Amino acid sequence: MGKHLDTAETLHSSLAPALIGGVNLALRADVHLAEAVSPPKPPDIVCAGYGDLFRRPGSRAATPQYEAEDVTEGLEYDLLLAWWEAVARTDPSVLGPTETGRGLISYAASRPLRVTVVRRALDALTRTRFFKSVSDAFLIAALKQFRRYFEEPALREAAQSRVLELIRPDTRVVVGHSLGSVVAYEALCSLPTQQAMTLVTLGSPLGVRHLAFDRLIPPPTDGVGAWPSPVDHWHNVSDTGDIVALVHELAPRFGPRVQDLHVHNGTTMHDMTAYLTAVETGTAIANGLTQ
């Protein structure tokens, strides 16, 4: 989310060095791993760019000037409240939606009351260290990108196609960050073949019930998410302060084969570069390259 002005090429220019750096840290820390795998080079790495699918045709603004009234009922509103509740749990200076004196506003409430709650939520979020440099309009745009992926089938299919067209017989590792982890997961689930790949998810919202998990394709069965058939190993990396991830362990949702790893990204809890340069992420990727 928030990468709608990037292309595959601009993403590669910043993310490939970060990924290589994380792997190099892992190899420096583990002599046996260093003997088993060579560090990747930029041509070994490809990035799927699909941010353009979310751009508004003909708009001159980088981010449309959304306001509280533009947050729609349903997935956008629910995700905003979930972020607000998560921030309140991790930042004692922030009052949560149930501590503001009026509680949560139900779907039956009038639109003006819902807009009031949205304004409170945006005010709370943009005052925190997590979203301190983010505008209301950018936050709302992120909510809309999340909602559009799940509710617009053509966009969903197009995003996955950008991933699938890059997967070749020699692909060993697929890395997905944030909403990109959902795109990567669903794309891999659509592949029927066994290819012995490693999936690495970073700051992933895949495990969030009602918002992402229950909307996945293929749908979960008896509360357990489908396992992507080409994937032999799945490493999920999360900063416990990352409120976009919300659920920091995926093994309870997708089975014990998922290895959940925790990192500390400092004040950039959800930042993709911070995740990629973590030695835990580098180790997961390096192990995948040995397969």
C-alpha atoms as a PDB file:
ATOM      1  CA  MET A   1       0.000   0.000   0.000  1.00  0.00           C
ATOM      2  CA  GLY A   2       1.173   3.535  -0.701  1.00  0.00           C
ATOM      3  CA  LYS A   3       3.445   2.491  -3.588  1.00  0.00           C
ATOM      4  CA  HIS A   4       1.060   3.522  -6.346  1.00  0.00           C
ATOM      5  CA  LEU A   5       3.617   5.911  -7.885  1.00  0.00           C
ATOM      6  CA  ASP A   6       6.303   3.221  -8.094  1.00  0.00           C
ATOM      7  CA  THR A   7       7.027   0.859 -10.957  1.00  0.00           C
ATOM      8  CA  ALA A   8       8.833  -2.474 -10.939  1.00  0.00           C
ATOM      9  CA  GLU A   9      12.011  -0.618 -11.910  1.00  0.00           C
ATOM     10  CA  THR A  10      11.875   2.025  -9.169  1.00  0.00           C
ATOM     11  CA  LEU A  11      11.078  -0.638  -6.578  1.00  0.00           C
ATOM     12  CA  HIS A  12      14.030  -2.722  -7.743  1.00  0.00           C
ATOM     13  CA  SER A  13      16.449   0.198  -7.410  1.00  0.00           C
ATOM     14  CA  SER A  14      15.789   0.512  -3.688  1.00  0.00           C
ATOM     15  CA  LEU A  15      14.689  -2.969  -2.630  1.00  0.00           C
ATOM     16  CA  ALA A  16      17.314  -5.116  -4.368  1.00  0.00           C
ATOM     17  CA  PRO A  17      20.218  -3.528  -2.408  1.00  0.00           C
ATOM     18  CA  ALA A  18      18.232  -3.883   0.833  1.00  0.00           C
ATOM     19  CA  LEU A  19      17.525  -7.559   0.158  1.00  0.00           C
ATOM     20  CA  ILE A  20      21.162  -8.245  -0.764  1.00  0.00           C
ATOM     21  CA  GLY A  21      22.295  -6.416   2.357  1.00  0.00           C
ATOM     22  CA  GLY A  22      20.043  -8.520   4.583  1.00  0.00           C
ATOM     23  CA  VAL A  23      21.302 -11.748   3.007  1.00  0.00           C
ATOM     24  CA  ASN A  24      24.920 -10.619   3.396  1.00  0.00           C
ATOM     25  CA  LEU A  25      24.322  -9.981   7.105  1.00  0.00           C
ATOM     26  CA  ALA A  26      22.873 -13.473   7.413  1.00  0.00           C
ATOM     27  CA  LEU A  27      25.841 -15.053   5.635  1.00  0.00           C
ATOM     28  CA  ARG A  28      28.262 -13.087   7.786  1.00  0.00           C
ATOM     29  CA  ALA A  29      26.529 -14.414  10.902  1.00  0.00           C
ATOM     30  CA  ASP A  30      26.355 -18.061   9.785  1.00  0.00           C
ATOM     31  CA  VAL A  31      29.515 -19.570   8.305  1.00  0.00           C
ATOM     32  CA  HIS A  32      27.753 -22.805   7.341  1.00  0.00           C
ATOM     33  CA  LEU A  33      25.064 -20.906   5.456  1.00  0.00           C
ATOM     34  CA  ALA A  34      27.772 -18.841   3.754  1.00  0.00           C
ATOM     35  CA  GLU A  35      29.393 -22.038   2.512  1.00  0.00           C
ATOM     36  CA  ALA A  36      26.090 -23.290   1.091  1.00  0.00           C
ATOM     37  CA  VAL A  37      24.899 -20.258  -0.860  1.00  0.00           C
ATOM     38  CA  SER A  38      26.341 -17.291  -2.729  1.00  0.00           C
ATOM     39  CA  PRO A  39      24.817 -13.856  -2.078  1.00  0.00           C
ATOM     40  CA  PRO A  40      22.324 -12.841  -4.774  1.00  0.00           C
ATOM     41  CA  LYS A  41      23.160 -10.167  -7.313  1.00  0.00           C
ATOM     42  CA  PRO A  42      20.761  -7.496  -8.619  1.00  0.00           C
ATOM     43  CA  PRO A  43      19.964  -9.458 -11.826  1.00  0.00           C
ATOM     44  CA  ASP A  44      18.887 -12.410  -9.658  1.00  0.00           C
ATOM     45  CA  ILE A  45      16.099 -10.259  -8.164  1.00  0.00           C
ATOM     46  CA  VAL A  46      12.932  -9.100  -9.898  1.00  0.00           C
ATOM     47  CA  CYS A  47      10.168  -6.910  -8.487  1.00  0.00           C
ATOM     48  CA  ALA A  48       6.484  -7.034  -9.318  1.00  0.00           C
ATOM     49  CA  GLY A  49       5.099  -3.552  -9.762  1.00  0.00           C
ATOM     50  CA  TYR A  50       1.323  -3.125  -9.711  1.00  0.00           C
ATOM     51  CA  GLY A  51       0.872   0.224  -7.961  1.00  0.00           C
ATOM     52  CA  ASP A  52      -0.298   1.771 -11.213  1.00  0.00           C
ATOM     53  CA  LEU A  53      -3.453  -0.351 -10.978  1.00  0.00           C
ATOM     54  CA  PHE A  54      -4.523   1.825  -8.034  1.00  0.00           C
ATOM     55  CA  ARG A  55      -3.804   5.194  -9.652  1.00  0.00           C
ATOM     56  CA  ARG A  56      -6.687   7.462 -10.529  1.00  0.00           C
ATOM     57  CA  PRO A  57      -6.549   8.176 -14.290  1.00  0.00           C
ATOM     58  CA  GLY A  58      -6.022  11.843 -15.083  1.00  0.00           C
ATOM     59  CA  SER A  59      -5.371  12.894 -11.484  1.00  0.00           C
ATOM     60  CA  ARG A  60      -2.633  15.474 -10.998  1.00  0.00           C
ATOM     61  CA  ALA A  61      -2.304  14.740  -7.282  1.00  0.00           C
ATOM     62  CA  ALA A  62       0.090  12.067  -6.013  1.00  0.00           C
ATOM     63  CA  THR A  63      -2.564  11.140  -3.464  1.00  0.00           C
ATOM     64  CA  PRO A  64      -6.198  12.250  -3.883  1.00  0.00           C
ATOM     65  CA  GLN A  65      -7.204  14.707  -1.186  1.00  0.00           C
ATOM     66  CA  TYR A  66      -9.426  12.304   0.692  1.00  0.00           C
ATOM     67  CA  GLU A  67     -11.212  13.452   3.840  1.00  0.00           C
ATOM     68  CA  ALA A  68     -12.964  11.633   6.687  1.00  0.00           C
ATOM     69  CA  GLU A  69     -16.227  11.627   4.756  1.00  0.00           C
ATOM     70  CA  ASP A  70     -14.564   9.517   2.045  1.00  0.00           C
ATOM     71  CA  VAL A  71     -13.978   6.496   4.314  1.00  0.00           C
ATOM     72  CA  THR A  72     -16.659   4.030   3.291  1.00  0.00           C
ATOM     73  CA  GLU A  73     -18.670   1.765   5.539  1.00  0.00           C
ATOM     74  CA  GLY A  74     -17.456  -1.824   5.689  1.00  0.00           C
ATOM     75  CA  LEU A  75     -13.867  -2.865   5.061  1.00  0.00           C
ATOM     76  CA  GLU A  76     -12.335   0.646   5.059  1.00  0.00           C
ATOM     77  CA  TYR A  77     -14.062   1.664   8.293  1.00  0.00           C
ATOM     78  CA  ASP A  78     -13.334  -1.674   9.996  1.00  0.00           C
ATOM     79  CA  LEU A  79      -9.651  -1.603   9.062  1.00  0.00           C
ATOM     80  CA  LEU A  80      -9.276   1.963  10.324  1.00  0.00           C
ATOM     81  CA  LEU A  81     -10.783   0.987  13.692  1.00  0.00           C
ATOM     82  CA  ALA A  82      -8.537  -2.088  13.878  1.00  0.00           C
ATOM     83  CA  TRP A  83      -5.465   0.108  13.345  1.00  0.00           C
ATOM     84  CA  TRP A  84      -6.717   2.550  15.980  1.00  0.00           C
ATOM     85  CA  GLU A  85      -7.230  -0.234  18.513  1.00  0.00           C
ATOM     86  CA  ALA A  86      -3.766  -1.655  17.745  1.00  0.00           C
ATOM     87  CA  VAL A  87      -2.094   1.733  18.230  1.00  0.00           C
ATOM     88  CA  ALA A  88      -3.904   2.209  21.551  1.00  0.00           C
ATOM     89  CA  ARG A  89      -2.577  -1.159  22.753  1.00  0.00           C
ATOM     90  CA  THR A  90       1.026  -0.255  21.949  1.00  0.00           C
ATOM     91  CA  ASP A  91       1.057   3.479  22.750  1.00  0.00           C
ATOM     92  CA  PRO A  92      -0.221   4.380  26.248  1.00  0.00           C
ATOM     93  CA  SER A  93      -0.679   8.013  25.227  1.00  0.00           C
ATOM     94  CA  VAL A  94      -3.411   7.080  22.736  1.00  0.00           C
ATOM     95  CA  LEU A  95      -6.992   6.517  23.848  1.00  0.00           C
ATOM     96  CA  GLY A  96      -8.612   3.655  21.981  1.00  0.00           C
ATOM     97  CA  PRO A  97     -12.046   3.759  20.356  1.00  0.00           C
ATOM     98  CA  THR A  98     -13.677   2.229  23.458  1.00  0.00           C
ATOM     99  CA  GLU A  99     -11.965   4.710  25.814  1.00  0.00           C
ATOM    100  CA  THR A 100     -13.164   7.930  24.249  1.00  0.00           C
ATOM    101  CA  GLY A 101     -16.417   7.962  26.170  1.00  0.00           C
ATOM    102  CA  ARG A 102     -18.799   6.871  23.422  1.00  0.00           C
ATOM    103  CA  GLY A 103     -17.431   3.512  22.339  1.00  0.00           C
ATOM    104  CA  LEU A 104     -17.546   2.121  18.829  1.00  0.00           C
ATOM    105  CA  ILE A 105     -20.160   3.270  16.394  1.00  0.00           C
ATOM    106  CA  SER A 106     -22.155   0.364  14.976  1.00  0.00           C
ATOM    107  CA  TYR A 107     -23.204  -0.025  11.363  1.00  0.00           C
ATOM    108  CA  ALA A 108     -26.697   1.048  12.374  1.00  0.00           C
ATOM    109  CA  ALA A 109     -25.408   4.458  13.440  1.00  0.00           C
ATOM    110  CA  SER A 110     -25.966   7.488  11.286  1.00  0.00           C
ATOM    111  CA  ARG A 111     -23.369   8.586   8.773  1.00  0.00           C
ATOM    112  CA  PRO A 112     -22.508  11.799  10.696  1.00  0.00           C
ATOM    113  CA  LEU A 113     -21.665   9.726  13.782  1.00  0.00           C
ATOM    114  CA  ARG A 114     -19.480   7.363  11.760  1.00  0.00           C
ATOM    115  CA  VAL A 115     -17.649  10.333  10.229  1.00  0.00           C
ATOM    116  CA  THR A 116     -17.030  11.656  13.740  1.00  0.00           C
ATOM    117  CA  VAL A 117     -15.447   8.342  14.719  1.00  0.00           C
ATOM    118  CA  VAL A 118     -13.330   8.376  11.556  1.00  0.00           C
ATOM    119  CA  ARG A 119     -12.053  11.864  12.420  1.00  0.00           C
ATOM    120  CA  ARG A 120     -11.164  10.692  15.941  1.00  0.00           C
ATOM    121  CA  ALA A 121      -9.367   7.658  14.538  1.00  0.00           C
ATOM    122  CA  LEU A 122      -7.378   9.696  12.010  1.00  0.00           C
ATOM    123  CA  ASP A 123      -6.458  12.227  14.680  1.00  0.00           C
ATOM    124  CA  ALA A 124      -5.290   9.459  17.022  1.00  0.00           C
ATOM    125  CA  LEU A 125      -3.270   7.657  14.358  1.00  0.00           C
ATOM    126  CA  THR A 126      -1.501  10.681  12.879  1.00  0.00           C
ATOM    127  CA  ARG A 127      -0.339  11.752  16.359  1.00  0.00           C
ATOM    128  CA  THR A 128       1.513   8.474  16.951  1.00  0.00           C
ATOM    129  CA  ARG A 129       5.110   7.625  16.088  1.00  0.00           C
ATOM    130  CA  PHE A 130       3.830   4.983  13.668  1.00  0.00           C
ATOM    131  CA  PHE A 131       1.931   7.413  11.422  1.00  0.00           C
ATOM    132  CA  LYS A 132       3.497  10.688  12.541  1.00  0.00           C
ATOM    133  CA  SER A 133       4.602  11.763   9.052  1.00  0.00           C
ATOM    134  CA  VAL A 134       1.505  10.495   7.251  1.00  0.00           C
ATOM    135  CA  SER A 135      -1.368  12.730   6.148  1.00  0.00           C
ATOM    136  CA  ASP A 136      -5.036  11.869   6.588  1.00  0.00           C
ATOM    137  CA  ALA A 137      -5.354  11.637   2.806  1.00  0.00           C
ATOM    138  CA  PHE A 138      -2.494   9.115   2.565  1.00  0.00           C
ATOM    139  CA  LEU A 139      -3.978   6.988   5.355  1.00  0.00           C
ATOM    140  CA  ILE A 140      -7.388   6.954   3.689  1.00  0.00           C
ATOM    141  CA  ALA A 141      -5.772   6.100   0.341  1.00  0.00           C
ATOM    142  CA  ALA A 142      -4.130   3.076   2.007  1.00  0.00           C
ATOM    143  CA  LEU A 143      -7.506   1.955   3.361  1.00  0.00           C
ATOM    144  CA  LYS A 144      -8.981   2.263  -0.112  1.00  0.00           C
ATOM    145  CA  GLN A 145      -6.172   0.262  -1.733  1.00  0.00           C
ATOM    146  CA  PHE A 146      -6.711  -2.543   0.777  1.00  0.00           C
ATOM    147  CA  ARG A 147     -10.461  -2.525   0.180  1.00  0.00           C
ATOM    148  CA  ARG A 148     -10.173  -2.304  -3.599  1.00  0.00           C
ATOM    149  CA  TYR A 149      -7.871  -5.318  -3.796  1.00  0.00           C
ATOM    150  CA  PHE A 150     -10.414  -7.511  -2.036  1.00  0.00           C
ATOM    151  CA  GLU A 151     -13.547  -6.068  -3.635  1.00  0.00           C
ATOM    152  CA  GLU A 152     -12.515  -5.470  -7.272  1.00  0.00           C
ATOM    153  CA  PRO A 153     -11.921  -8.864  -8.946  1.00  0.00           C
ATOM    154  CA  ALA A 154     -10.316  -7.438 -12.106  1.00  0.00           C
ATOM    155  CA  LEU A 155      -7.784  -5.434 -10.102  1.00  0.00           C
ATOM    156  CA  ARG A 156      -7.079  -8.434  -7.861  1.00  0.00           C
ATOM    157  CA  GLU A 157      -6.423 -10.682 -10.850  1.00  0.00           C
ATOM    158  CA  ALA A 158      -4.249  -8.076 -12.559  1.00  0.00           C
ATOM    159  CA  ALA A 159      -2.052  -7.613  -9.463  1.00  0.00           C
ATOM    160  CA  GLN A 160      -1.548 -11.358  -9.145  1.00  0.00           C
ATOM    161  CA  SER A 161      -0.727 -11.602 -12.851  1.00  0.00           C
ATOM    162  CA  ARG A 162       2.151  -9.145 -12.354  1.00  0.00           C
ATOM    163  CA  VAL A 163       3.605 -11.594  -9.801  1.00  0.00           C
ATOM    164  CA  LEU A 164       2.903 -14.769 -11.751  1.00  0.00           C
ATOM    165  CA  GLU A 165       4.541 -13.506 -14.947  1.00  0.00           C
ATOM    166  CA  LEU A 166       7.850 -13.220 -13.058  1.00  0.00           C
ATOM    167  CA  ILE A 167       7.838 -16.705 -11.541  1.00  0.00           C
ATOM    168  CA  ARG A 168      10.020 -19.061 -13.583  1.00  0.00           C
ATOM    169  CA  PRO A 169      11.062 -22.694 -13.162  1.00  0.00           C
ATOM    170  CA  ASP A 170      14.253 -21.526 -11.404  1.00  0.00           C
ATOM    171  CA  THR A 171      12.492 -19.188  -8.946  1.00  0.00           C
ATOM    172  CA  ARG A 172      13.457 -20.185  -5.415  1.00  0.00           C
ATOM    173  CA  VAL A 173      12.178 -17.403  -3.122  1.00  0.00           C
ATOM    174  CA  VAL A 174       9.113 -15.145  -3.239  1.00  0.00           C
ATOM    175  CA  VAL A 175       9.024 -12.198  -0.821  1.00  0.00           C
ATOM    176  CA  GLY A 176       5.815 -10.286  -0.109  1.00  0.00           C
ATOM    177  CA  HIS A 177       5.446  -7.211   2.113  1.00  0.00           C
ATOM    178  CA  SER A 178       2.192  -5.870   3.590  1.00  0.00           C
ATOM    179  CA  LEU A 179      -0.656  -6.091   1.054  1.00  0.00           C
ATOM    180  CA  GLY A 180       1.964  -7.541  -1.291  1.00  0.00           C
ATOM    181  CA  SER A 181       2.128 -10.610   0.943  1.00  0.00           C
ATOM    182  CA  VAL A 182      -1.572 -11.189   0.235  1.00  0.00           C
ATOM    183  CA  VAL A 183      -0.990 -10.779  -3.500  1.00  0.00           C
ATOM    184  CA  ALA A 184       1.984 -13.160  -3.402  1.00  0.00           C
ATOM    185  CA  TYR A 185       0.130 -15.740  -1.316  1.00  0.00           C
ATOM    186  CA  GLU A 186      -2.936 -15.804  -3.564  1.00  0.00           C
ATOM    187  CA  ALA A 187      -0.776 -15.865  -6.695  1.00  0.00           C
ATOM    188  CA  LEU A 188       1.167 -18.870  -5.402  1.00  0.00           C
ATOM    189  CA  CYS A 189      -2.049 -20.624  -4.394  1.00  0.00           C
ATOM    190  CA  SER A 190      -3.148 -20.439  -8.018  1.00  0.00           C
ATOM    191  CA  LEU A 191      -0.112 -22.413  -9.200  1.00  0.00           C
ATOM    192  CA  PRO A 192      -0.761 -26.163  -9.354  1.00  0.00           C
ATOM    193  CA  THR A 193       2.807 -27.393  -9.594  1.00  0.00           C
ATOM    194  CA  GLN A 194       5.328 -28.331  -6.945  1.00  0.00           C
ATOM    195  CA  GLN A 195       8.367 -26.093  -7.372  1.00  0.00           C
ATOM    196  CA  ALA A 196      10.095 -26.219  -3.965  1.00  0.00           C
ATOM    197  CA  MET A 197       9.858 -22.468  -3.371  1.00  0.00           C
ATOM    198  CA  THR A 198      10.260 -20.514  -0.139  1.00  0.00           C
ATOM    199  CA  LEU A 199       7.689 -17.838   0.732  1.00  0.00           C
ATOM    200  CA  VAL A 200       8.824 -14.971   2.966  1.00  0.00           C
ATOM    201  CA  THR A 201       6.078 -12.647   4.219  1.00  0.00           C
ATOM    202  CA  LEU A 202       6.924  -9.328   5.879  1.00  0.00           C
ATOM    203  CA  GLY A 203       4.532  -7.216   7.968  1.00  0.00           C
ATOM    204  CA  SER A 204       1.701  -9.327   6.621  1.00  0.00           C
ATOM    205  CA  PRO A 205      -2.021  -8.816   7.346  1.00  0.00           C
ATOM    206  CA  LEU A 206      -2.817 -12.332   6.048  1.00  0.00           C
ATOM    207  CA  GLY A 207      -3.876 -13.582   9.474  1.00  0.00           C
ATOM    208  CA  VAL A 208      -6.377 -10.825  10.301  1.00  0.00           C
ATOM    209  CA  ARG A 209      -9.818 -12.403  10.667  1.00  0.00           C
ATOM    210  CA  HIS A 210     -12.758 -10.721   8.899  1.00  0.00           C
ATOM    211  CA  LEU A 211     -10.487  -8.159   7.191  1.00  0.00           C
ATOM    212  CA  ALA A 212      -8.094 -10.323   5.151  1.00  0.00           C
ATOM    213  CA  PHE A 213      -8.010 -13.961   6.279  1.00  0.00           C
ATOM    214  CA  ASP A 214     -11.695 -14.702   5.668  1.00  0.00           C
ATOM    215  CA  ARG A 215     -11.585 -12.973   2.268  1.00  0.00           C
ATOM    216  CA  LEU A 216      -8.723 -15.023   0.825  1.00  0.00           C
ATOM    217  CA  ILE A 217      -8.936 -17.055  -2.364  1.00  0.00           C
ATOM    218  CA  PRO A 218      -8.971 -19.987  -1.914  1.00  0.00           C
ATOM    219  CA  PRO A 219     -11.029 -19.537   1.260  1.00  0.00           C
ATOM    220  CA  PRO A 220      -9.865 -21.072   4.549  1.00  0.00           C
ATOM    221  CA  THR A 221     -11.310 -24.460   5.511  1.00  0.00           C
ATOM    222  CA  ASP A 222     -12.393 -25.019   9.109  1.00  0.00           C
ATOM    223  CA  GLY A 223     -10.469 -21.937  10.181  1.00  0.00           C
ATOM    224  CA  VAL A 224      -7.220 -22.962   8.478  1.00  0.00           C
ATOM    225  CA  GLY A 225      -5.837 -21.150   5.447  1.00  0.00           C
ATOM    226  CA  ALA A 226      -4.857 -23.073   2.328  1.00  0.00           C
ATOM    227  CA  TRP A 227      -1.210 -23.972   1.869  1.00  0.00           C
ATOM    228  CA  PRO A 228       0.267 -22.740  -1.466  1.00  0.00           C
ATOM    229  CA  SER A 229       1.222 -25.938  -3.287  1.00  0.00           C
ATOM    230  CA  PRO A 230       4.545 -24.666  -4.772  1.00  0.00           C
ATOM    231  CA  VAL A 231       5.778 -23.623  -1.306  1.00  0.00           C
ATOM    232  CA  ASP A 232       7.998 -25.934   0.736  1.00  0.00           C
ATOM    233  CA  HIS A 233       8.983 -23.399   3.398  1.00  0.00           C
ATOM    234  CA  TRP A 234       7.170 -20.302   4.691  1.00  0.00           C
ATOM    235  CA  HIS A 235       8.850 -17.738   6.946  1.00  0.00           C
ATOM    236  CA  ASN A 236       6.706 -14.931   8.333  1.00  0.00           C
ATOM    237  CA  VAL A 237       8.629 -11.932   9.690  1.00  0.00           C
ATOM    238  CA  SER A 238       6.864  -9.333  11.821  1.00  0.00           C
ATOM    239  CA  ASP A 239       7.705  -6.418  14.088  1.00  0.00           C
ATOM    240  CA  THR A 240       5.408  -6.723  17.111  1.00  0.00           C
ATOM    241  CA  GLY A 241       4.838  -2.961  16.914  1.00  0.00           C
ATOM    242  CA  ASP A 242       3.702  -3.148  13.297  1.00  0.00           C
ATOM    243  CA  ILE A 243       0.016  -2.293  13.449  1.00  0.00           C
ATOM    244  CA  VAL A 244      -0.571  -2.928   9.736  1.00  0.00           C
ATOM    245  CA  ALA A 245       0.268  -6.585  10.296  1.00  0.00           C
ATOM    246  CA  LEU A 246      -2.132  -6.619  13.302  1.00  0.00           C
ATOM    247  CA  VAL A 247      -1.676 -10.411  13.699  1.00  0.00           C
ATOM    248  CA  HIS A 248       2.012 -11.173  14.152  1.00  0.00           C
ATOM    249  CA  GLU A 249       1.956 -14.961  13.964  1.00  0.00           C
ATOM    250  CA  LEU A 250       0.549 -16.837  10.982  1.00  0.00           C
ATOM    251  CA  ALA A 251       1.118 -20.414  12.158  1.00  0.00           C
ATOM    252  CA  PRO A 252      -2.186 -20.438  14.110  1.00  0.00           C
ATOM    253  CA  ARG A 253      -3.983 -19.532  10.857  1.00  0.00           C
ATOM    254  CA  PHE A 254      -2.023 -21.511   8.243  1.00  0.00           C
ATOM    255  CA  GLY A 255      -0.542 -24.385  10.212  1.00  0.00           C
ATOM    256  CA  PRO A 256       2.642 -25.213  12.123  1.00  0.00           C
ATOM    257  CA  ARG A 257       4.746 -25.334   8.950  1.00  0.00           C
ATOM    258  CA  VAL A 258       4.857 -21.524   9.039  1.00  0.00           C
ATOM    259  CA  GLN A 259       7.926 -20.292  10.911  1.00  0.00           C
ATOM    260  CA  ASP A 260       7.055 -17.025  12.642  1.00  0.00           C
ATOM    261  CA  LEU A 261       9.976 -14.687  13.298  1.00  0.00           C
ATOM    262  CA  HIS A 262       9.957 -11.409  15.232  1.00  0.00           C
ATOM    263  CA  VAL A 263      12.188  -8.427  14.480  1.00  0.00           C
ATOM    264  CA  HIS A 264      12.550  -4.895  15.803  1.00  0.00           C
ATOM    265  CA  ASN A 265      12.494  -2.212  13.122  1.00  0.00           C
ATOM    266  CA  GLY A 266      12.760   0.721  15.509  1.00  0.00           C
ATOM    267  CA  THR A 267      10.506   3.638  14.649  1.00  0.00           C
ATOM    268  CA  THR A 268       9.983   2.333  11.102  1.00  0.00           C
ATOM    269  CA  MET A 269       7.935  -0.684  12.186  1.00  0.00           C
ATOM    270  CA  HIS A 270       6.262  -1.361   8.833  1.00  0.00           C
ATOM    271  CA  ASP A 271       8.974  -0.109   6.489  1.00  0.00           C
ATOM    272  CA  MET A 272       9.818  -2.582   3.716  1.00  0.00           C
ATOM    273  CA  THR A 273      13.524  -1.704   3.670  1.00  0.00           C
ATOM    274  CA  ALA A 274      13.812  -2.199   7.428  1.00  0.00           C
ATOM    275  CA  TYR A 275      12.271  -5.650   7.085  1.00  0.00           C
ATOM    276  CA  LEU A 276      14.575  -6.619   4.206  1.00  0.00           C
ATOM    277  CA  THR A 277      17.753  -5.554   6.000  1.00  0.00           C
ATOM    278  CA  ALA A 278      16.885  -7.562   9.126  1.00  0.00           C
ATOM    279  CA  VAL A 279      19.217 -10.533   9.572  1.00  0.00           C
ATOM    280  CA  GLU A 280      16.176 -12.755  10.235  1.00  0.00           C
ATOM    281  CA  THR A 281      14.767 -11.914   6.811  1.00  0.00           C
ATOM    282  CA  GLY A 282      18.163 -12.359   5.202  1.00  0.00           C
ATOM    283  CA  THR A 283      18.532 -15.784   6.815  1.00  0.00           C
ATOM    284  CA  ALA A 284      15.100 -16.882   5.595  1.00  0.00           C
ATOM    285  CA  ILE A 285      15.916 -15.776   2.028  1.00  0.00           C
ATOM    286  CA  ALA A 286      19.388 -17.349   2.115  1.00  0.00           C
ATOM    287  CA  ASN A 287      17.977 -20.648   3.337  1.00  0.00           C
ATOM    288  CA  GLY A 288      15.474 -20.541   0.497  1.00  0.00           C
ATOM    289  CA  LEU A 289      18.300 -20.114  -2.003  1.00  0.00           C
ATOM    290  CA  THR A 290      19.911 -23.328  -0.789  1.00  0.00           C
ATOM    291  CA  GLN A 291      16.852 -25.394  -1.759  1.00  0.00           C
END
